Amino acid sequence: MIKKLIGLSLFLLSIQSFAQKNNTSPYSFFGIGEESSLKTIEEISMGQIGAAFNSPYQITFTNPAALAHLQFTTYTIAAKNKALRIDDGTNTGNASNAALSYFAMGIPIGTKAGFSFGLQPNTSVGYSLTEEFRNNSDELTEINSFKGDGGTNRVFLGLGYKLPKNITIGIEAAYIFGNIENTLLNRRDGVNLATMHRTDSDIKGYTAKVGIQYKTKITEKLTLKGGGVISFENNLSNDGQELLFTLINTSEDVIFPRDTLVNNSFKSIVKKPLNTVLSLGVGEENKWYAGVEYSFQDALEFTDGVLNNNTKVAYETSNRISVGGFYTPKINSISSYFDRVTYRAGFNYKQTGLVVDNTSINDFGISFGVGLPIGRQLSNLNLGFELGKRGEINNSLIKENYFNFRLGLTLNDKWFSKRKIQ
């Protein structure tokens, strides 16, 4: 047990040593940033399916009802490295970043229940954009520089419980908190002073969701699993400060404010509507599993224009379809290590709900990964890989091609077991 905790601590320290901004996407400019995938590496590697899946030694974030199946105290931690290639039809660029993805712990309660708690990113903001204006002689006359940083995180607590007839139910509550800073710097040729507009937003609020799972034997070996999750409508408060001030017009990246033109505080609400997830899968326990998942929700709403002040931006209904699964040749093999390795793969297509200049921003990704056993225990080192495309080169928009690499560690231990006298 001590060795596991030491290993977990070293893994956490190694992640923190290279953690940076957790986003580099221009699309994180909108709203409260790009939504994080609130799923484990195992779920993401299977195309982001998870509402119907459960395991006695894995935590799944999608459906709290799965916690009732835990048989081991489970610690899980993960980090992500994101590589991005951006193309606007004229120019291309590359960016990358690395950050902690989540930390969580799950504990079984007897044989009928289990709970988990943890911390993970909720949304992320990280962009740097430049807009240039030129005269008829192709001389640069004006530059707008957009920058953003920050995001929100969530602390969550979930509980699952077994009911009769192979039904489990669960509930999860979370507290959302974070800060977002957006700036717009305007510089004009021949003008001594530049102008900066800056907003600092403190966002916080509560969310909750409920889930249900059901499984039944369809043959001696095959099990059919179904699951559903409802994340309730929630409101996040956005309290902040809006500033407009002048500064010396220099090309150096240093800000020396001169005159403050606007200094206003604001209060607003970010309304996230009810989200529904439905999933169905079939498989052989501890051997293989294949499933499909569908989720949908109405459009985001903002009570004012502080975080939604671009007339070319709108929000619509979002949805996602995912297909994926896993295969483990022989989980208890003593002759072959690779027979105990779990192989995962899947794909997903998502309409993000973001509309820019009357064009819906969609996302398509394929994923795969492996779970590498540690020793002869049920603990695993998980590797996940994801290739995808978001947006398109149309109406002056941007296409992103991304490659995500995820590294996670899952440790299992049996708590409260009776000591046997030899």
Protein backbone atom coordinates (compact mmCIF):
# COMPACT_ATOMS: atom_id res chain seq x y z
CA MET A 1 0.00 0.00 0.00
CA ILE A 2 2.81 2.44 0.93
CA LYS A 3 4.62 1.66 -2.32
CA LYS A 4 1.47 2.49 -4.27
CA LEU A 5 1.04 5.85 -2.53
CA ILE A 6 4.70 6.71 -3.13
CA GLY A 7 4.36 5.80 -6.79
CA LEU A 8 1.22 7.90 -7.10
CA SER A 9 2.93 10.88 -5.46
CA LEU A 10 5.94 10.64 -7.80
CA PHE A 11 3.62 10.42 -10.80
CA LEU A 12 1.73 13.52 -9.64
CA LEU A 13 4.97 15.46 -9.14
CA SER A 14 6.22 14.49 -12.59
CA ILE A 15 2.98 15.78 -14.13
CA GLN A 16 3.14 19.06 -12.23
CA SER A 17 6.71 19.59 -13.41
CA PHE A 18 5.58 20.09 -17.02
CA ALA A 19 2.01 21.37 -16.56
CA GLN A 20 1.30 24.60 -18.46
CA LYS A 21 -1.74 26.28 -19.94
CA ASN A 22 -4.23 23.56 -20.70
CA ASN A 23 -5.40 24.95 -24.04
CA THR A 24 -4.05 26.51 -27.23
CA SER A 25 -7.21 26.47 -29.34
CA PRO A 26 -8.57 29.65 -30.97
CA TYR A 27 -12.07 28.23 -30.37
CA SER A 28 -11.51 28.61 -26.62
CA PHE A 29 -12.05 32.34 -27.28
CA PHE A 30 -15.82 31.88 -27.11
CA GLY A 31 -18.02 31.76 -24.01
CA ILE A 32 -16.28 30.34 -20.93
CA GLY A 33 -13.80 28.36 -23.02
CA GLU A 34 -13.52 24.95 -24.57
CA GLU A 35 -15.35 22.22 -22.70
CA SER A 36 -13.09 19.53 -21.28
CA SER A 37 -13.91 15.89 -21.83
CA LEU A 38 -15.22 14.82 -18.42
CA LYS A 39 -14.17 11.22 -18.92
CA THR A 40 -11.31 8.94 -17.94
CA ILE A 41 -8.54 7.85 -20.31
CA GLU A 42 -10.22 4.46 -20.55
CA GLU A 43 -13.51 6.03 -21.67
CA ILE A 44 -11.88 8.48 -24.12
CA SER A 45 -9.82 5.67 -25.66
CA MET A 46 -13.09 3.83 -26.40
CA GLY A 47 -14.49 6.76 -28.38
CA GLN A 48 -15.80 8.50 -25.22
CA ILE A 49 -18.38 5.84 -24.32
CA GLY A 50 -19.04 5.30 -20.62
CA ALA A 51 -22.72 5.67 -19.62
CA ALA A 52 -23.38 1.91 -19.75
CA PHE A 53 -19.90 0.69 -18.87
CA ASN A 54 -18.82 -0.38 -15.38
CA SER A 55 -15.92 -2.24 -13.82
CA PRO A 56 -14.99 -3.56 -10.34
CA TYR A 57 -11.54 -1.91 -10.57
CA GLN A 58 -12.03 1.20 -12.73
CA ILE A 59 -13.63 4.56 -12.03
CA THR A 60 -15.79 5.92 -14.82
CA PHE A 61 -16.75 9.60 -14.80
CA THR A 62 -19.75 9.50 -17.16
CA ASN A 63 -22.25 7.65 -14.98
CA PRO A 64 -22.15 7.72 -11.15
CA ALA A 65 -24.27 4.54 -11.10
CA ALA A 66 -21.13 2.61 -12.15
CA LEU A 67 -19.60 3.33 -8.72
CA ALA A 68 -21.84 0.65 -7.19
CA HIS A 69 -19.78 -1.99 -9.03
CA LEU A 70 -16.44 -1.01 -7.44
CA GLN A 71 -14.80 -3.82 -5.49
CA PHE A 72 -11.43 -2.18 -4.91
CA THR A 73 -10.30 1.17 -3.54
CA THR A 74 -9.12 2.89 -6.72
CA TYR A 75 -6.82 5.86 -7.23
CA THR A 76 -6.58 7.37 -10.69
CA ILE A 77 -4.61 10.30 -12.07
CA ALA A 78 -3.88 11.42 -15.61
CA ALA A 79 -2.22 14.07 -17.74
CA LYS A 80 -2.67 15.15 -21.35
CA ASN A 81 -0.38 16.55 -24.03
CA LYS A 82 -2.17 18.28 -26.90
CA ALA A 83 -0.52 19.00 -30.26
CA LEU A 84 -2.46 21.27 -32.61
CA ARG A 85 -2.07 22.29 -36.25
CA ILE A 86 -4.12 25.36 -37.19
CA ASP A 87 -5.02 26.28 -40.78
CA ASP A 88 -7.02 29.32 -41.92
CA GLY A 89 -6.62 28.63 -45.63
CA THR A 90 -3.71 31.05 -45.99
CA ASN A 91 -1.43 30.42 -43.05
CA THR A 92 -0.74 27.43 -40.85
CA GLY A 93 0.69 27.18 -37.35
CA ASN A 94 1.51 24.63 -34.69
CA ALA A 95 1.04 24.68 -30.94
CA SER A 96 1.21 22.26 -28.05
CA ASN A 97 0.63 22.17 -24.31
CA ALA A 98 0.54 19.72 -21.42
CA ALA A 99 -1.57 19.73 -18.28
CA LEU A 100 -3.05 17.60 -15.53
CA SER A 101 -6.31 15.96 -16.67
CA TYR A 102 -7.81 14.70 -13.41
CA PHE A 103 -7.26 13.14 -10.03
CA ALA A 104 -9.90 10.95 -8.40
CA MET A 105 -10.42 8.24 -5.82
CA GLY A 106 -13.16 5.62 -5.62
CA ILE A 107 -14.06 3.54 -2.55
CA PRO A 108 -16.52 0.63 -2.36
CA ILE A 109 -19.03 0.61 0.50
CA GLY A 110 -19.79 -3.00 1.31
CA THR A 111 -21.02 -4.98 -1.68
CA LYS A 112 -23.86 -2.71 -2.81
CA ALA A 113 -22.46 0.80 -3.01
CA GLY A 114 -19.44 2.92 -3.79
CA PHE A 115 -18.46 6.56 -3.92
CA SER A 116 -15.80 8.71 -5.55
CA PHE A 117 -14.40 12.22 -5.32
CA GLY A 118 -11.87 14.15 -7.32
CA LEU A 119 -10.76 17.22 -9.23
CA GLN A 120 -10.72 17.83 -12.99
CA PRO A 121 -10.76 20.72 -15.50
CA ASN A 122 -14.23 21.80 -16.64
CA THR A 123 -13.44 24.37 -19.34
CA SER A 124 -10.19 25.91 -20.57
CA VAL A 125 -9.19 29.16 -22.25
CA GLY A 126 -5.87 29.68 -24.01
CA TYR A 127 -5.59 31.63 -27.25
CA SER A 128 -3.55 34.35 -28.93
CA LEU A 129 -5.02 35.82 -32.13
CA THR A 130 -4.01 38.75 -34.33
CA GLU A 131 -6.18 40.75 -36.71
CA GLU A 132 -4.39 43.05 -39.18
CA PHE A 133 -5.69 45.95 -41.32
CA ARG A 134 -3.83 47.29 -44.36
CA ASN A 135 -4.36 50.25 -46.71
CA ASN A 136 -4.48 50.20 -50.50
CA SER A 137 -0.67 50.19 -50.59
CA ASP A 138 -0.60 47.04 -48.46
CA GLU A 139 0.88 48.98 -45.54
CA LEU A 140 -0.02 47.84 -42.04
CA THR A 141 -2.23 50.49 -40.42
CA GLU A 142 -3.90 48.75 -37.47
CA ILE A 143 -3.50 45.61 -35.34
CA ASN A 144 -5.92 43.97 -32.93
CA SER A 145 -4.34 41.42 -30.56
CA PHE A 146 -6.67 39.04 -28.73
CA LYS A 147 -5.41 36.99 -25.79
CA GLY A 148 -7.14 34.78 -23.27
CA ASP A 149 -6.14 32.59 -20.37
CA GLY A 150 -7.74 30.63 -17.55
CA GLY A 151 -10.75 28.36 -17.32
CA THR A 152 -12.87 26.56 -14.77
CA ASN A 153 -12.35 23.43 -12.67
CA ARG A 154 -14.73 21.11 -10.88
CA VAL A 155 -14.56 19.29 -7.55
CA PHE A 156 -17.00 16.40 -7.52
CA LEU A 157 -18.47 13.77 -5.22
CA GLY A 158 -20.39 10.78 -6.59
CA LEU A 159 -22.33 7.88 -5.07
CA GLY A 160 -23.67 4.68 -6.63
CA TYR A 161 -26.00 2.06 -5.18
CA LYS A 162 -27.23 -1.38 -6.29
CA LEU A 163 -30.93 -2.06 -6.46
CA PRO A 164 -32.59 -5.45 -7.06
CA LYS A 165 -32.90 -6.92 -10.57
CA ASN A 166 -29.40 -5.82 -11.72
CA ILE A 167 -30.23 -2.11 -11.57
CA THR A 168 -27.84 0.48 -10.16
CA ILE A 169 -28.46 4.17 -9.61
CA GLY A 170 -26.12 7.05 -8.87
CA ILE A 171 -25.87 10.74 -8.15
CA GLU A 172 -23.02 13.21 -8.47
CA ALA A 173 -22.68 16.80 -7.23
CA ALA A 174 -19.91 19.17 -8.26
CA TYR A 175 -18.69 22.67 -7.47
CA ILE A 176 -17.43 24.71 -10.45
CA PHE A 177 -14.92 27.50 -9.94
CA GLY A 178 -12.35 29.41 -11.95
CA ASN A 179 -11.14 32.65 -13.51
CA ILE A 180 -10.95 33.83 -17.13
CA GLU A 181 -9.04 36.84 -18.43
CA ASN A 182 -9.69 38.16 -21.94
CA THR A 183 -7.83 41.11 -23.47
CA LEU A 184 -8.07 43.06 -26.71
CA LEU A 185 -5.18 45.38 -27.55
CA ASN A 186 -5.67 47.88 -30.40
CA ARG A 187 -2.64 49.59 -31.97
CA ARG A 188 -2.83 52.11 -34.84
CA ASP A 189 -0.02 53.44 -36.98
CA GLY A 190 0.85 57.05 -36.21
CA VAL A 191 -1.06 57.09 -32.90
CA ASN A 192 1.00 57.53 -29.73
CA LEU A 193 -1.35 55.66 -27.44
CA ALA A 194 -2.78 52.17 -27.83
CA THR A 195 -6.03 51.02 -26.24
CA MET A 196 -6.66 47.87 -24.23
CA HIS A 197 -9.96 46.32 -23.25
CA ARG A 198 -9.73 43.69 -20.49
CA THR A 199 -12.28 41.58 -18.66
CA ASP A 200 -11.56 39.47 -15.58
CA SER A 201 -14.30 36.96 -14.83
CA ASP A 202 -14.71 34.88 -11.67
CA ILE A 203 -17.03 31.97 -12.39
CA LYS A 204 -18.59 29.64 -9.85
CA GLY A 205 -21.63 27.48 -9.30
CA TYR A 206 -22.96 24.00 -8.62
CA THR A 207 -23.96 21.15 -10.90
CA ALA A 208 -25.62 17.78 -10.35
CA LYS A 209 -26.42 14.69 -12.36
CA VAL A 210 -28.13 11.34 -11.85
CA GLY A 211 -27.53 8.05 -13.61
CA ILE A 212 -28.92 4.57 -13.98
CA GLN A 213 -27.48 1.31 -15.32
CA TYR A 214 -28.97 -2.09 -16.07
CA LYS A 215 -27.39 -5.35 -17.17
CA THR A 216 -28.74 -8.76 -18.10
CA LYS A 217 -27.37 -12.03 -19.46
CA ILE A 218 -28.37 -12.72 -23.06
CA THR A 219 -26.31 -15.92 -23.32
CA GLU A 220 -24.12 -17.85 -20.89
CA LYS A 221 -21.17 -15.58 -21.72
CA LEU A 222 -22.67 -12.40 -23.18
CA THR A 223 -23.99 -9.54 -21.07
CA LEU A 224 -26.13 -6.67 -22.32
CA LYS A 225 -25.60 -3.33 -20.56
CA GLY A 226 -27.60 -0.13 -20.77
CA GLY A 227 -27.15 3.24 -19.12
CA GLY A 228 -28.55 6.74 -18.98
CA VAL A 229 -27.39 10.00 -17.38
CA ILE A 230 -29.17 13.32 -16.89
CA SER A 231 -27.10 16.38 -15.99
CA PHE A 232 -29.51 18.98 -14.65
CA GLU A 233 -29.76 22.52 -15.89
CA ASN A 234 -27.45 24.79 -13.91
CA ASN A 235 -26.51 28.44 -13.67
CA LEU A 236 -22.95 29.64 -13.19
CA SER A 237 -22.46 33.11 -11.76
CA ASN A 238 -19.98 35.35 -13.53
CA ASP A 239 -18.73 38.26 -11.42
CA GLY A 240 -15.92 40.38 -12.74
CA GLN A 241 -14.33 43.63 -13.77
CA GLU A 242 -14.26 45.37 -17.15
CA LEU A 243 -11.46 47.82 -17.91
CA LEU A 244 -10.70 50.07 -20.86
CA PHE A 245 -7.47 52.07 -20.71
CA THR A 246 -4.76 53.63 -22.84
CA LEU A 247 -1.09 52.69 -22.85
CA ILE A 248 2.11 53.57 -24.66
CA ASN A 249 1.95 52.33 -28.27
CA THR A 250 5.03 50.12 -28.42
CA SER A 251 5.72 46.75 -30.01
CA GLU A 252 7.10 45.42 -26.72
CA ASP A 253 4.88 43.02 -24.81
CA VAL A 254 4.80 45.26 -21.74
CA ILE A 255 1.71 47.02 -20.41
CA PHE A 256 2.02 50.44 -18.75
CA PRO A 257 -1.52 51.85 -18.31
CA ARG A 258 -1.94 55.60 -18.75
CA ASP A 259 -5.55 56.75 -18.56
CA THR A 260 -8.47 54.59 -17.45
CA LEU A 261 -11.52 55.20 -19.64
CA VAL A 262 -13.85 52.51 -18.27
CA ASN A 263 -13.77 50.68 -14.94
CA ASN A 264 -16.97 48.76 -14.36
CA SER A 265 -17.89 45.72 -12.32
CA PHE A 266 -20.44 43.29 -13.72
CA LYS A 267 -22.58 40.35 -12.69
CA SER A 268 -24.05 37.87 -15.14
CA ILE A 269 -25.24 34.28 -15.47
CA VAL A 270 -24.07 31.48 -17.75
CA LYS A 271 -26.94 29.03 -18.19
CA LYS A 272 -26.08 25.48 -19.18
CA PRO A 273 -29.17 23.47 -20.15
CA LEU A 274 -30.08 19.91 -19.25
CA ASN A 275 -27.84 17.28 -20.87
CA THR A 276 -28.93 13.70 -21.60
CA VAL A 277 -26.68 10.70 -22.30
CA LEU A 278 -27.93 7.28 -23.46
CA SER A 279 -25.76 4.22 -24.04
CA LEU A 280 -26.04 0.54 -24.89
CA GLY A 281 -23.34 -2.13 -25.07
CA VAL A 282 -22.70 -5.86 -25.14
CA GLY A 283 -19.72 -7.93 -24.10
CA GLU A 284 -18.13 -10.70 -22.09
CA GLU A 285 -17.09 -9.70 -18.57
CA ASN A 286 -13.33 -8.96 -18.27
CA LYS A 287 -12.89 -10.04 -21.91
CA TRP A 288 -14.41 -7.59 -24.38
CA TYR A 289 -17.03 -4.90 -24.68
CA ALA A 290 -18.53 -2.89 -27.56
CA GLY A 291 -20.97 -0.04 -27.13
CA VAL A 292 -22.63 3.02 -28.62
CA GLU A 293 -23.47 6.30 -26.86
CA TYR A 294 -25.52 9.36 -27.76
CA SER A 295 -25.74 12.66 -25.88
CA PHE A 296 -27.61 15.91 -26.54
CA GLN A 297 -28.41 19.27 -24.96
CA ASP A 298 -29.94 22.63 -25.86
CA ALA A 299 -27.92 25.77 -26.52
CA LEU A 300 -25.91 27.68 -23.92
CA GLU A 301 -27.39 30.98 -22.77
CA PHE A 302 -25.78 34.17 -21.41
CA THR A 303 -27.65 36.93 -19.56
CA ASP A 304 -25.46 39.69 -21.03
CA GLY A 305 -22.72 40.28 -23.57
CA VAL A 306 -19.63 40.20 -21.36
CA LEU A 307 -18.66 36.70 -22.48
CA ASN A 308 -20.77 36.70 -25.62
CA ASN A 309 -20.28 40.10 -27.23
CA ASN A 310 -19.46 38.96 -30.77
CA THR A 311 -22.38 39.37 -33.17
CA LYS A 312 -20.95 36.67 -35.44
CA VAL A 313 -21.22 34.04 -32.68
CA ALA A 314 -24.29 32.06 -31.66
CA TYR A 315 -25.09 28.83 -29.85
CA GLU A 316 -27.27 25.93 -30.92
CA THR A 317 -28.26 22.44 -29.79
CA SER A 318 -25.24 20.19 -29.38
CA ASN A 319 -25.01 16.41 -29.65
CA ARG A 320 -22.43 13.60 -29.80
CA ILE A 321 -22.44 10.04 -31.13
CA SER A 322 -19.72 7.63 -29.98
CA VAL A 323 -18.84 4.02 -30.79
CA GLY A 324 -16.07 1.99 -29.17
CA GLY A 325 -14.95 -0.80 -26.93
CA PHE A 326 -12.09 -2.85 -25.49
CA TYR A 327 -10.53 -6.30 -25.71
CA THR A 328 -8.44 -8.18 -23.12
CA PRO A 329 -7.11 -11.54 -24.39
CA LYS A 330 -6.85 -13.17 -20.94
CA ILE A 331 -7.01 -10.97 -17.86
CA ASN A 332 -5.61 -13.61 -15.47
CA SER A 333 -2.91 -15.04 -17.73
CA ILE A 334 0.26 -16.14 -15.93
CA SER A 335 2.20 -17.12 -19.04
CA SER A 336 1.90 -13.99 -21.20
CA TYR A 337 2.05 -10.35 -20.12
CA PHE A 338 0.48 -9.13 -23.39
CA ASP A 339 -2.54 -11.39 -22.84
CA ARG A 340 -3.31 -9.24 -19.79
CA VAL A 341 -2.99 -5.97 -21.73
CA THR A 342 -6.30 -4.23 -22.51
CA TYR A 343 -6.66 -2.80 -26.02
CA ARG A 344 -9.18 0.01 -26.62
CA ALA A 345 -10.45 1.87 -29.69
CA GLY A 346 -13.36 4.01 -30.84
CA PHE A 347 -14.54 7.14 -32.63
CA ASN A 348 -16.94 10.01 -32.01
CA TYR A 349 -18.62 12.81 -33.92
CA LYS A 350 -19.81 15.94 -32.12
CA GLN A 351 -21.78 19.01 -33.07
CA THR A 352 -20.26 21.33 -30.47
CA GLY A 353 -23.17 23.78 -30.32
CA LEU A 354 -20.92 26.69 -31.34
CA VAL A 355 -21.90 28.64 -34.46
CA VAL A 356 -19.42 31.15 -35.91
CA ASP A 357 -20.47 33.35 -38.82
CA ASN A 358 -23.48 31.07 -39.48
CA THR A 359 -21.25 27.98 -39.66
CA SER A 360 -21.64 25.15 -37.13
CA ILE A 361 -18.37 24.01 -35.58
CA ASN A 362 -18.17 20.22 -35.60
CA ASP A 363 -15.58 17.81 -34.19
CA PHE A 364 -14.61 14.32 -35.36
CA GLY A 365 -12.08 12.13 -33.58
CA ILE A 366 -10.77 8.59 -33.53
CA SER A 367 -9.08 7.17 -30.46
CA PHE A 368 -7.21 4.12 -29.27
CA GLY A 369 -5.19 3.10 -26.24
CA VAL A 370 -3.80 0.36 -24.05
CA GLY A 371 -3.99 -0.53 -20.39
CA LEU A 372 -0.65 -1.98 -19.27
CA PRO A 373 -0.84 -4.12 -16.12
CA ILE A 374 1.56 -3.24 -13.29
CA GLY A 375 3.07 -6.42 -11.91
CA ARG A 376 0.48 -9.15 -11.36
CA GLN A 377 -2.05 -6.84 -9.77
CA LEU A 378 -5.12 -5.12 -11.22
CA SER A 379 -3.36 -1.74 -11.30
CA ASN A 380 -2.66 -0.28 -14.75
CA LEU A 381 -0.62 2.28 -16.62
CA ASN A 382 -2.99 3.65 -19.26
CA LEU A 383 -1.93 5.22 -22.56
CA GLY A 384 -4.44 6.97 -24.80
CA PHE A 385 -4.12 8.49 -28.28
CA GLU A 386 -6.62 10.66 -30.09
CA LEU A 387 -6.59 12.08 -33.64
CA GLY A 388 -9.22 14.53 -34.74
CA LYS A 389 -10.39 17.54 -36.72
CA ARG A 390 -12.50 20.50 -35.62
CA GLY A 391 -13.90 23.37 -37.65
CA GLU A 392 -13.37 24.02 -41.34
CA ILE A 393 -11.76 26.48 -43.74
CA ASN A 394 -14.89 28.36 -44.70
CA ASN A 395 -16.18 31.93 -44.12
CA SER A 396 -12.72 32.90 -42.79
CA LEU A 397 -12.88 30.20 -40.12
CA ILE A 398 -10.11 27.99 -38.80
CA LYS A 399 -9.59 24.24 -39.13
CA GLU A 400 -7.81 22.44 -36.32
CA ASN A 401 -6.11 19.08 -36.64
CA TYR A 402 -5.20 17.75 -33.20
CA PHE A 403 -3.32 14.88 -31.65
CA ASN A 404 -3.87 14.19 -27.96
CA PHE A 405 -1.66 11.90 -25.94
CA ARG A 406 -2.86 10.88 -22.50
CA LEU A 407 -0.98 9.14 -19.72
CA GLY A 408 -2.71 7.83 -16.63
CA LEU A 409 -2.13 5.65 -13.63
CA THR A 410 -4.80 3.54 -11.93
CA LEU A 411 -3.93 1.85 -8.61
CA ASN A 412 -6.17 -0.65 -6.85
CA ASP A 413 -6.13 -1.87 -3.28
CA LYS A 414 -8.44 -3.84 -1.00
CA TRP A 415 -9.43 -1.85 2.10
CA PHE A 416 -11.05 -3.10 5.29
CA SER A 417 -10.33 -6.78 4.46
CA LYS A 418 -10.11 -9.11 7.45
CA ARG A 419 -6.64 -10.26 8.38
CA LYS A 420 -6.23 -14.04 8.13
CA ILE A 421 -4.30 -15.92 10.82
CA GLN A 422 -1.79 -18.34 9.31
